[in-house]
């Protein structure tokens, strides 16, 4: 496993630092899953369980990313390292999206994302809705080679994931008769469509922001220009 990608300005930290970060992330994610196992709510016994929540789906993907990353650290396998980077393209922007949506809605009204009877204490709340985004961002900026995904591909991936999740939420609703997030029940169908479309656009923006930040940190001016000048990838597609 190469310690430095040709386009990176900084040499990646040592293998031990990478193992430490991935181990710490896995420990944090495991603690969150252990909390779920002891958190008695109607959602846990319903169809889809806690996997009705985008937060838990994102946490699962983040866990897979870091488990593969730790295995790559231990085995020095280039294929595992490459797989970790592929997973990161999905998991890092998704976790950033989850953090933005969650804390943004909480700033407006926390009951939009959690019923009043099931509010979380700060530590598990942080573990679910902030820690994964922080761990994945650090892994991207300092331990990974540059992303090659362009804006148009990021938009297509975001739209696919957003509407796949919407289909899953509606399927669970057909069994349970209620939505995992209260805000879904407040909105009508067209409003939910707008919310998911907005979320997909926000995830695309998260991808471009992460790519811009990577370029800024590692001195890759090309990435900064791509993220700012053509975030949707339309210009590059038409040329």
C-alpha atoms as a PDB file:
ATOM      1  CA  UNK A   1       0.000   0.000   0.000  1.00  0.00           C
ATOM      2  CA  UNK A   2       1.577   3.252  -1.145  1.00  0.00           C
ATOM      3  CA  UNK A   3       2.224   5.804   1.589  1.00  0.00           C
ATOM      4  CA  UNK A   4       1.882   8.750  -0.767  1.00  0.00           C
ATOM      5  CA  UNK A   5      -0.203   9.299  -3.864  1.00  0.00           C
ATOM      6  CA  UNK A   6       1.596  11.225  -6.657  1.00  0.00           C
ATOM      7  CA  UNK A   7      -0.946  14.068  -6.474  1.00  0.00           C
ATOM      8  CA  UNK A   8      -0.702  14.527  -2.719  1.00  0.00           C
ATOM      9  CA  UNK A   9       1.482  17.290  -1.356  1.00  0.00           C
ATOM     10  CA  UNK A  10       1.763  15.653   2.046  1.00  0.00           C
ATOM     11  CA  UNK A  11       3.032  12.163   2.704  1.00  0.00           C
ATOM     12  CA  UNK A  12       0.292  10.220   4.468  1.00  0.00           C
ATOM     13  CA  UNK A  13       0.888   9.600   8.178  1.00  0.00           C
ATOM     14  CA  UNK A  14       2.485   6.336   9.222  1.00  0.00           C
ATOM     15  CA  UNK A  15       0.724   3.016   9.047  1.00  0.00           C
ATOM     16  CA  UNK A  16       0.340   3.133  12.846  1.00  0.00           C
ATOM     17  CA  UNK A  17      -1.516   6.462  12.672  1.00  0.00           C
ATOM     18  CA  UNK A  18      -3.850   5.065  10.025  1.00  0.00           C
ATOM     19  CA  UNK A  19      -4.503   1.967  12.133  1.00  0.00           C
ATOM     20  CA  UNK A  20      -5.153   4.157  15.182  1.00  0.00           C
ATOM     21  CA  UNK A  21      -7.690   6.321  13.342  1.00  0.00           C
ATOM     22  CA  UNK A  22      -9.502   3.355  11.834  1.00  0.00           C
ATOM     23  CA  UNK A  23      -9.518   1.515  15.172  1.00  0.00           C
ATOM     24  CA  UNK A  24     -10.865   4.598  16.988  1.00  0.00           C
ATOM     25  CA  UNK A  25     -13.568   5.011  14.362  1.00  0.00           C
ATOM     26  CA  UNK A  26     -14.604   1.370  14.588  1.00  0.00           C
ATOM     27  CA  UNK A  27     -14.733   1.644  18.402  1.00  0.00           C
ATOM     28  CA  UNK A  28     -16.973   4.722  18.145  1.00  0.00           C
ATOM     29  CA  UNK A  29     -19.273   3.105  15.586  1.00  0.00           C
ATOM     30  CA  UNK A  30     -19.472  -0.103  17.662  1.00  0.00           C
ATOM     31  CA  UNK A  31     -20.414   1.900  20.758  1.00  0.00           C
ATOM     32  CA  UNK A  32     -23.251   3.480  18.774  1.00  0.00           C
ATOM     33  CA  UNK A  33     -24.524   0.080  17.636  1.00  0.00           C
ATOM     34  CA  UNK A  34     -24.289  -1.220  21.218  1.00  0.00           C
ATOM     35  CA  UNK A  35     -26.398   1.739  22.337  1.00  0.00           C
ATOM     36  CA  UNK A  36     -29.013   0.804  19.729  1.00  0.00           C
ATOM     37  CA  UNK A  37     -29.165  -2.731  21.103  1.00  0.00           C
ATOM     38  CA  UNK A  38     -30.171  -1.420  24.533  1.00  0.00           C
ATOM     39  CA  UNK A  39     -32.372   1.490  23.362  1.00  0.00           C
ATOM     40  CA  UNK A  40     -35.962   0.290  23.684  1.00  0.00           C
ATOM     41  CA  UNK A  41     -38.150   2.140  21.175  1.00  0.00           C
ATOM     42  CA  UNK A  42     -41.110   1.165  18.962  1.00  0.00           C
ATOM     43  CA  UNK A  43     -38.770   1.490  15.951  1.00  0.00           C
ATOM     44  CA  UNK A  44     -36.634  -1.432  17.071  1.00  0.00           C
ATOM     45  CA  UNK A  45     -39.560  -3.882  16.825  1.00  0.00           C
ATOM     46  CA  UNK A  46     -41.065  -2.395  13.657  1.00  0.00           C
ATOM     47  CA  UNK A  47     -40.511  -3.530  10.084  1.00  0.00           C
ATOM     48  CA  UNK A  48     -37.041  -2.387   8.994  1.00  0.00           C
ATOM     49  CA  UNK A  49     -35.977  -1.809  12.583  1.00  0.00           C
ATOM     50  CA  UNK A  50     -33.436   0.926  13.129  1.00  0.00           C
ATOM     51  CA  UNK A  51     -32.400   0.590   9.485  1.00  0.00           C
ATOM     52  CA  UNK A  52     -35.355   2.778   8.592  1.00  0.00           C
ATOM     53  CA  UNK A  53     -33.127   5.641   9.698  1.00  0.00           C
ATOM     54  CA  UNK A  54     -30.687   7.152   7.225  1.00  0.00           C
ATOM     55  CA  UNK A  55     -28.399   7.719  10.216  1.00  0.00           C
ATOM     56  CA  UNK A  56     -28.065   3.986  10.838  1.00  0.00           C
ATOM     57  CA  UNK A  57     -27.628   3.164   7.163  1.00  0.00           C
ATOM     58  CA  UNK A  58     -24.849   5.766   7.009  1.00  0.00           C
ATOM     59  CA  UNK A  59     -23.286   4.408  10.192  1.00  0.00           C
ATOM     60  CA  UNK A  60     -23.262   0.909   8.693  1.00  0.00           C
ATOM     61  CA  UNK A  61     -21.551   2.138   5.538  1.00  0.00           C
ATOM     62  CA  UNK A  62     -19.030   4.118   7.600  1.00  0.00           C
ATOM     63  CA  UNK A  63     -18.299   0.992   9.659  1.00  0.00           C
ATOM     64  CA  UNK A  64     -17.714  -1.071   6.511  1.00  0.00           C
ATOM     65  CA  UNK A  65     -15.382   1.637   5.177  1.00  0.00           C
ATOM     66  CA  UNK A  66     -13.272   1.684   8.333  1.00  0.00           C
ATOM     67  CA  UNK A  67     -13.212  -2.114   8.752  1.00  0.00           C
ATOM     68  CA  UNK A  68     -11.875  -2.444   5.206  1.00  0.00           C
ATOM     69  CA  UNK A  69      -9.442   0.400   5.933  1.00  0.00           C
ATOM     70  CA  UNK A  70      -8.143  -1.361   9.059  1.00  0.00           C
ATOM     71  CA  UNK A  71      -7.747  -4.633   7.157  1.00  0.00           C
ATOM     72  CA  UNK A  72      -5.772  -2.725   4.508  1.00  0.00           C
ATOM     73  CA  UNK A  73      -3.552  -1.281   7.265  1.00  0.00           C
ATOM     74  CA  UNK A  74      -2.900  -4.741   8.702  1.00  0.00           C
ATOM     75  CA  UNK A  75      -2.409  -6.637   5.428  1.00  0.00           C
ATOM     76  CA  UNK A  76      -0.979  -3.768   3.296  1.00  0.00           C
ATOM     77  CA  UNK A  77      -3.267  -5.003   0.522  1.00  0.00           C
ATOM     78  CA  UNK A  78      -3.572  -2.495  -2.373  1.00  0.00           C
ATOM     79  CA  UNK A  79      -6.931  -4.017  -3.326  1.00  0.00           C
ATOM     80  CA  UNK A  80      -8.356  -3.473   0.156  1.00  0.00           C
ATOM     81  CA  UNK A  81      -6.974   0.057   0.188  1.00  0.00           C
ATOM     82  CA  UNK A  82      -8.640   0.727  -3.165  1.00  0.00           C
ATOM     83  CA  UNK A  83     -11.928  -0.752  -1.900  1.00  0.00           C
ATOM     84  CA  UNK A  84     -11.783   1.489   1.172  1.00  0.00           C
ATOM     85  CA  UNK A  85     -11.368   4.531  -1.067  1.00  0.00           C
ATOM     86  CA  UNK A  86     -14.328   3.462  -3.249  1.00  0.00           C
ATOM     87  CA  UNK A  87     -16.528   3.038  -0.173  1.00  0.00           C
ATOM     88  CA  UNK A  88     -15.351   6.420   1.090  1.00  0.00           C
ATOM     89  CA  UNK A  89     -16.734   8.157  -2.016  1.00  0.00           C
ATOM     90  CA  UNK A  90     -20.220   7.081  -0.838  1.00  0.00           C
ATOM     91  CA  UNK A  91     -19.855   7.086   2.940  1.00  0.00           C
ATOM     92  CA  UNK A  92     -18.030  10.387   3.533  1.00  0.00           C
ATOM     93  CA  UNK A  93     -20.462  12.672   1.626  1.00  0.00           C
ATOM     94  CA  UNK A  94     -23.415  10.717   3.036  1.00  0.00           C
ATOM     95  CA  UNK A  95     -22.244  11.231   6.610  1.00  0.00           C
ATOM     96  CA  UNK A  96     -21.611  14.928   5.972  1.00  0.00           C
ATOM     97  CA  UNK A  97     -25.151  15.153   4.565  1.00  0.00           C
ATOM     98  CA  UNK A  98     -26.579  13.381   7.628  1.00  0.00           C
ATOM     99  CA  UNK A  99     -24.769  15.766   9.968  1.00  0.00           C
ATOM    100  CA  UNK A 100     -25.922  18.865   8.061  1.00  0.00           C
ATOM    101  CA  UNK A 101     -29.552  17.733   7.839  1.00  0.00           C
ATOM    102  CA  UNK A 102     -29.753  16.492  11.422  1.00  0.00           C
ATOM    103  CA  UNK A 103     -28.157  19.448  13.181  1.00  0.00           C
ATOM    104  CA  UNK A 104     -29.874  21.874  10.811  1.00  0.00           C
ATOM    105  CA  UNK A 105     -33.333  20.451  11.571  1.00  0.00           C
ATOM    106  CA  UNK A 106     -32.525  20.262  15.292  1.00  0.00           C
ATOM    107  CA  UNK A 107     -31.706  23.966  15.212  1.00  0.00           C
ATOM    108  CA  UNK A 108     -35.229  24.559  13.869  1.00  0.00           C
ATOM    109  CA  UNK A 109     -37.142  21.989  15.924  1.00  0.00           C
ATOM    110  CA  UNK A 110     -35.692  18.747  17.276  1.00  0.00           C
ATOM    111  CA  UNK A 111     -39.117  17.093  17.208  1.00  0.00           C
ATOM    112  CA  UNK A 112     -38.829  17.063  13.386  1.00  0.00           C
ATOM    113  CA  UNK A 113     -36.258  14.255  13.641  1.00  0.00           C
ATOM    114  CA  UNK A 114     -37.107  12.638  16.996  1.00  0.00           C
ATOM    115  CA  UNK A 115     -40.366  12.279  18.934  1.00  0.00           C
ATOM    116  CA  UNK A 116     -40.114  14.164  22.261  1.00  0.00           C
ATOM    117  CA  UNK A 117     -40.153  10.897  24.237  1.00  0.00           C
ATOM    118  CA  UNK A 118     -37.030   9.575  22.497  1.00  0.00           C
ATOM    119  CA  UNK A 119     -34.549  12.454  22.602  1.00  0.00           C
ATOM    120  CA  UNK A 120     -30.893  11.407  22.838  1.00  0.00           C
ATOM    121  CA  UNK A 121     -28.320  12.506  25.386  1.00  0.00           C
ATOM    122  CA  UNK A 122     -25.368  14.455  23.982  1.00  0.00           C
ATOM    123  CA  UNK A 123     -22.812  11.608  23.840  1.00  0.00           C
ATOM    124  CA  UNK A 124     -24.860   9.086  21.811  1.00  0.00           C
ATOM    125  CA  UNK A 125     -26.265  11.981  19.783  1.00  0.00           C
ATOM    126  CA  UNK A 126     -22.726  13.063  18.868  1.00  0.00           C
ATOM    127  CA  UNK A 127     -21.738   9.448  18.176  1.00  0.00           C
ATOM    128  CA  UNK A 128     -24.563   8.989  15.686  1.00  0.00           C
ATOM    129  CA  UNK A 129     -24.702  12.389  14.025  1.00  0.00           C
ATOM    130  CA  UNK A 130     -21.236  13.960  14.125  1.00  0.00           C
ATOM    131  CA  UNK A 131     -18.454  11.461  14.873  1.00  0.00           C
ATOM    132  CA  UNK A 132     -18.812   9.419  11.642  1.00  0.00           C
ATOM    133  CA  UNK A 133     -18.542  12.551   9.470  1.00  0.00           C
ATOM    134  CA  UNK A 134     -15.476  13.724  11.396  1.00  0.00           C
ATOM    135  CA  UNK A 135     -13.695  10.352  11.220  1.00  0.00           C
ATOM    136  CA  UNK A 136     -14.388   9.944   7.499  1.00  0.00           C
ATOM    137  CA  UNK A 137     -13.324  13.520   6.696  1.00  0.00           C
ATOM    138  CA  UNK A 138     -10.008  13.053   8.521  1.00  0.00           C
ATOM    139  CA  UNK A 139      -9.459   9.747   6.731  1.00  0.00           C
ATOM    140  CA  UNK A 140     -10.137  11.417   3.377  1.00  0.00           C
ATOM    141  CA  UNK A 141      -7.985  14.507   3.905  1.00  0.00           C
ATOM    142  CA  UNK A 142      -4.905  12.862   5.391  1.00  0.00           C
ATOM    143  CA  UNK A 143      -4.956   9.127   4.642  1.00  0.00           C
ATOM    144  CA  UNK A 144      -6.427   8.772   1.157  1.00  0.00           C
ATOM    145  CA  UNK A 145      -5.434   9.475  -2.451  1.00  0.00           C
ATOM    146  CA  UNK A 146      -7.421  12.085  -4.408  1.00  0.00           C
ATOM    147  CA  UNK A 147     -10.976  11.308  -5.411  1.00  0.00           C
ATOM    148  CA  UNK A 148     -11.453  10.952  -9.149  1.00  0.00           C
ATOM    149  CA  UNK A 149     -15.253  11.375  -9.048  1.00  0.00           C
ATOM    150  CA  UNK A 150     -16.559  14.382 -10.968  1.00  0.00           C
ATOM    151  CA  UNK A 151     -19.572  16.536 -10.220  1.00  0.00           C
ATOM    152  CA  UNK A 152     -21.948  14.876 -12.705  1.00  0.00           C
ATOM    153  CA  UNK A 153     -21.134  11.400 -11.366  1.00  0.00           C
ATOM    154  CA  UNK A 154     -21.511  12.651  -7.792  1.00  0.00           C
ATOM    155  CA  UNK A 155     -24.933  14.105  -8.657  1.00  0.00           C
ATOM    156  CA  UNK A 156     -26.061  10.849 -10.289  1.00  0.00           C
ATOM    157  CA  UNK A 157     -24.870   8.808  -7.296  1.00  0.00           C
ATOM    158  CA  UNK A 158     -26.564  11.188  -4.848  1.00  0.00           C
ATOM    159  CA  UNK A 159     -29.872  11.111  -6.741  1.00  0.00           C
ATOM    160  CA  UNK A 160     -29.773   7.316  -6.905  1.00  0.00           C
ATOM    161  CA  UNK A 161     -29.112   6.936  -3.159  1.00  0.00           C
ATOM    162  CA  UNK A 162     -31.703   9.569  -2.203  1.00  0.00           C
ATOM    163  CA  UNK A 163     -34.543   8.013  -4.158  1.00  0.00           C
ATOM    164  CA  UNK A 164     -33.500   4.479  -3.213  1.00  0.00           C
ATOM    165  CA  UNK A 165     -33.812   5.550   0.427  1.00  0.00           C
ATOM    166  CA  UNK A 166     -37.191   7.184  -0.292  1.00  0.00           C
ATOM    167  CA  UNK A 167     -38.445   3.924  -1.796  1.00  0.00           C
ATOM    168  CA  UNK A 168     -37.215   2.070   1.318  1.00  0.00           C
ATOM    169  CA  UNK A 169     -38.902   4.570   3.661  1.00  0.00           C
ATOM    170  CA  UNK A 170     -42.223   4.288   1.825  1.00  0.00           C
ATOM    171  CA  UNK A 171     -41.966   0.485   1.804  1.00  0.00           C
ATOM    172  CA  UNK A 172     -41.435   0.495   5.572  1.00  0.00           C
ATOM    173  CA  UNK A 173     -44.364   2.924   5.928  1.00  0.00           C
ATOM    174  CA  UNK A 174     -46.613   0.476   4.060  1.00  0.00           C
ATOM    175  CA  UNK A 175     -45.873  -2.081   6.811  1.00  0.00           C
ATOM    176  CA  UNK A 176     -45.689   0.158   9.882  1.00  0.00           C
ATOM    177  CA  UNK A 177     -48.122   2.960   9.121  1.00  0.00           C
ATOM    178  CA  UNK A 178     -45.673   5.638  10.292  1.00  0.00           C
ATOM    179  CA  UNK A 179     -42.403   7.203   9.152  1.00  0.00           C
ATOM    180  CA  UNK A 180     -39.069   6.958  11.016  1.00  0.00           C
ATOM    181  CA  UNK A 181     -38.599  10.737  10.973  1.00  0.00           C
ATOM    182  CA  UNK A 182     -41.599  12.872  12.073  1.00  0.00           C
ATOM    183  CA  UNK A 183     -40.883  15.443   9.348  1.00  0.00           C
ATOM    184  CA  UNK A 184     -41.829  12.858   6.680  1.00  0.00           C
ATOM    185  CA  UNK A 185     -45.312  12.576   8.178  1.00  0.00           C
ATOM    186  CA  UNK A 186     -45.774  16.353   8.157  1.00  0.00           C
ATOM    187  CA  UNK A 187     -44.962  16.668   4.446  1.00  0.00           C
ATOM    188  CA  UNK A 188     -47.154  15.507   1.577  1.00  0.00           C
ATOM    189  CA  UNK A 189     -45.820  13.376  -1.288  1.00  0.00           C
ATOM    190  CA  UNK A 190     -44.675  16.284  -3.462  1.00  0.00           C
ATOM    191  CA  UNK A 191     -43.016  17.973  -0.503  1.00  0.00           C
ATOM    192  CA  UNK A 192     -41.183  14.761   0.353  1.00  0.00           C
ATOM    193  CA  UNK A 193     -40.045  14.544  -3.278  1.00  0.00           C
ATOM    194  CA  UNK A 194     -38.645  18.066  -2.999  1.00  0.00           C
ATOM    195  CA  UNK A 195     -36.945  17.190   0.292  1.00  0.00           C
ATOM    196  CA  UNK A 196     -35.226  14.144  -1.188  1.00  0.00           C
ATOM    197  CA  UNK A 197     -34.217  16.075  -4.300  1.00  0.00           C
ATOM    198  CA  UNK A 198     -32.781  18.822  -2.115  1.00  0.00           C
ATOM    199  CA  UNK A 199     -30.948  16.221  -0.012  1.00  0.00           C
ATOM    200  CA  UNK A 200     -29.417  14.692  -3.149  1.00  0.00           C
ATOM    201  CA  UNK A 201     -28.210  18.131  -4.246  1.00  0.00           C
ATOM    202  CA  UNK A 202     -26.827  18.751  -0.768  1.00  0.00           C
ATOM    203  CA  UNK A 203     -24.964  15.433  -0.857  1.00  0.00           C
ATOM    204  CA  UNK A 204     -23.482  16.424  -4.222  1.00  0.00           C
ATOM    205  CA  UNK A 205     -22.430  19.702  -2.664  1.00  0.00           C
ATOM    206  CA  UNK A 206     -20.871  17.796   0.234  1.00  0.00           C
ATOM    207  CA  UNK A 207     -18.834  15.753  -2.242  1.00  0.00           C
ATOM    208  CA  UNK A 208     -17.584  18.898  -3.981  1.00  0.00           C
ATOM    209  CA  UNK A 209     -16.787  20.608  -0.663  1.00  0.00           C
ATOM    210  CA  UNK A 210     -14.787  17.586   0.468  1.00  0.00           C
ATOM    211  CA  UNK A 211     -12.993  17.507  -2.877  1.00  0.00           C
ATOM    212  CA  UNK A 212     -12.248  21.255  -2.655  1.00  0.00           C
ATOM    213  CA  UNK A 213     -10.988  20.877   0.922  1.00  0.00           C
ATOM    214  CA  UNK A 214      -8.792  17.961  -0.136  1.00  0.00           C
ATOM    215  CA  UNK A 215      -7.294  20.091  -2.891  1.00  0.00           C
ATOM    216  CA  UNK A 216      -6.776  22.955  -0.466  1.00  0.00           C
ATOM    217  CA  UNK A 217      -5.082  20.792   2.167  1.00  0.00           C
ATOM    218  CA  UNK A 218      -2.923  18.893  -0.296  1.00  0.00           C
ATOM    219  CA  UNK A 219      -2.147  21.776  -2.645  1.00  0.00           C
ATOM    220  CA  UNK A 220      -4.058  20.459  -5.680  1.00  0.00           C
ATOM    221  CA  UNK A 221      -5.339  23.590  -7.400  1.00  0.00           C
ATOM    222  CA  UNK A 222      -7.144  21.551 -10.068  1.00  0.00           C
ATOM    223  CA  UNK A 223      -9.487  20.050  -7.477  1.00  0.00           C
ATOM    224  CA  UNK A 224     -10.284  23.468  -6.010  1.00  0.00           C
ATOM    225  CA  UNK A 225     -11.191  24.828  -9.465  1.00  0.00           C
ATOM    226  CA  UNK A 226     -13.286  21.773 -10.388  1.00  0.00           C
ATOM    227  CA  UNK A 227     -15.282  21.994  -7.159  1.00  0.00           C
ATOM    228  CA  UNK A 228     -15.973  25.733  -7.459  1.00  0.00           C
ATOM    229  CA  UNK A 229     -16.192  26.397 -11.215  1.00  0.00           C
ATOM    230  CA  UNK A 230     -18.234  23.353 -12.260  1.00  0.00           C
ATOM    231  CA  UNK A 231     -19.780  21.628  -9.207  1.00  0.00           C
ATOM    232  CA  UNK A 232     -22.412  19.751 -11.255  1.00  0.00           C
ATOM    233  CA  UNK A 233     -19.896  18.575 -13.849  1.00  0.00           C
ATOM    234  CA  UNK A 234     -22.039  19.946 -16.680  1.00  0.00           C
ATOM    235  CA  UNK A 235     -19.276  21.918 -18.368  1.00  0.00           C
ATOM    236  CA  UNK A 236     -16.874  18.959 -18.364  1.00  0.00           C
ATOM    237  CA  UNK A 237     -19.608  16.705 -19.748  1.00  0.00           C
ATOM    238  CA  UNK A 238     -20.429  19.054 -22.627  1.00  0.00           C
ATOM    239  CA  UNK A 239     -16.816  19.632 -23.676  1.00  0.00           C
END
